[in-house]
Amino acid sequence: MGTLFALVLTMGMTDGSFEEMVLGVYESQQQCEDAATEQRINGECYPVERIVRGGEVPAETAASH
């Protein structure tokens, strides 16, 4: 299975904070970008693994470098 991509929309709240919402998960970056265009939103497509891990590198990966 390849990398999954999440379509993420950042919303500005009335109190000045920002919230990110995942609108969908797609099998490829192209499908994700196509969905953003179809829905007419200015969302971003991120690898799901990056969202789940918060950008952290797994220990075994860091140790091998």
Protein backbone atom coordinates (compact mmCIF):
# COMPACT_ATOMS: atom_id res chain seq x y z
CA MET A 1 0.00 0.00 0.00
CA GLY A 2 1.33 3.43 -0.92
CA THR A 3 1.20 6.69 0.93
CA LEU A 4 -2.26 8.04 1.70
CA PHE A 5 -2.92 11.79 1.49
CA ALA A 6 -5.30 13.84 3.63
CA LEU A 7 -7.06 16.97 2.41
CA VAL A 8 -6.70 19.46 5.27
CA LEU A 9 -8.53 22.76 5.60
CA THR A 10 -7.38 25.42 8.08
CA MET A 11 -10.22 27.43 9.57
CA GLY A 12 -9.82 30.79 11.28
CA MET A 13 -12.00 30.95 14.39
CA THR A 14 -13.70 34.08 15.71
CA ASP A 15 -11.41 34.09 18.77
CA GLY A 16 -8.34 34.40 16.51
CA SER A 17 -7.23 30.77 16.81
CA PHE A 18 -6.92 28.33 13.94
CA GLU A 19 -8.21 24.78 13.66
CA GLU A 20 -7.24 22.19 11.05
CA MET A 21 -9.85 19.77 9.76
CA VAL A 22 -9.31 16.68 7.66
CA LEU A 23 -11.94 16.67 4.92
CA GLY A 24 -10.96 13.39 3.30
CA VAL A 25 -8.25 10.78 2.78
CA TYR A 26 -7.14 9.77 -0.73
CA GLU A 27 -4.96 7.10 -2.28
CA SER A 28 -2.70 9.59 -4.09
CA GLN A 29 -1.64 13.22 -3.90
CA GLN A 30 -3.23 13.83 -7.31
CA GLN A 31 -6.61 12.50 -6.13
CA CYS A 32 -6.35 14.73 -3.06
CA GLU A 33 -5.54 17.81 -5.14
CA ASP A 34 -8.36 16.97 -7.56
CA ALA A 35 -10.79 16.77 -4.62
CA ALA A 36 -9.69 20.21 -3.39
CA THR A 37 -10.27 21.65 -6.86
CA GLU A 38 -13.65 19.91 -7.20
CA GLN A 39 -14.77 21.19 -3.79
CA ARG A 40 -13.41 24.67 -4.61
CA ILE A 41 -11.44 24.96 -1.40
CA ASN A 42 -7.94 26.18 -0.67
CA GLY A 43 -6.95 23.08 1.28
CA GLU A 44 -3.58 21.39 1.51
CA CYS A 45 -2.72 17.75 0.84
CA TYR A 46 -0.44 16.13 3.42
CA PRO A 47 0.78 12.54 3.75
CA VAL A 48 -1.38 10.89 6.41
CA GLU A 49 1.72 9.51 8.14
CA ARG A 50 2.97 13.08 8.67
CA ILE A 51 -0.31 14.06 10.34
CA VAL A 52 -0.43 10.97 12.57
CA ARG A 53 3.15 11.34 13.74
CA GLY A 54 3.11 15.14 13.89
CA GLY A 55 6.22 15.32 11.71
CA GLU A 56 8.26 13.22 14.16
CA VAL A 57 10.80 10.73 12.86
CA PRO A 58 10.47 7.16 14.21
CA ALA A 59 13.30 6.20 16.59
CA GLU A 60 14.53 3.32 14.40
CA THR A 61 14.82 5.72 11.43
CA ALA A 62 16.75 8.32 13.44
CA ALA A 63 19.08 5.67 14.88
CA SER A 64 20.01 4.32 11.45
CA HIS A 65 21.19 7.71 10.14
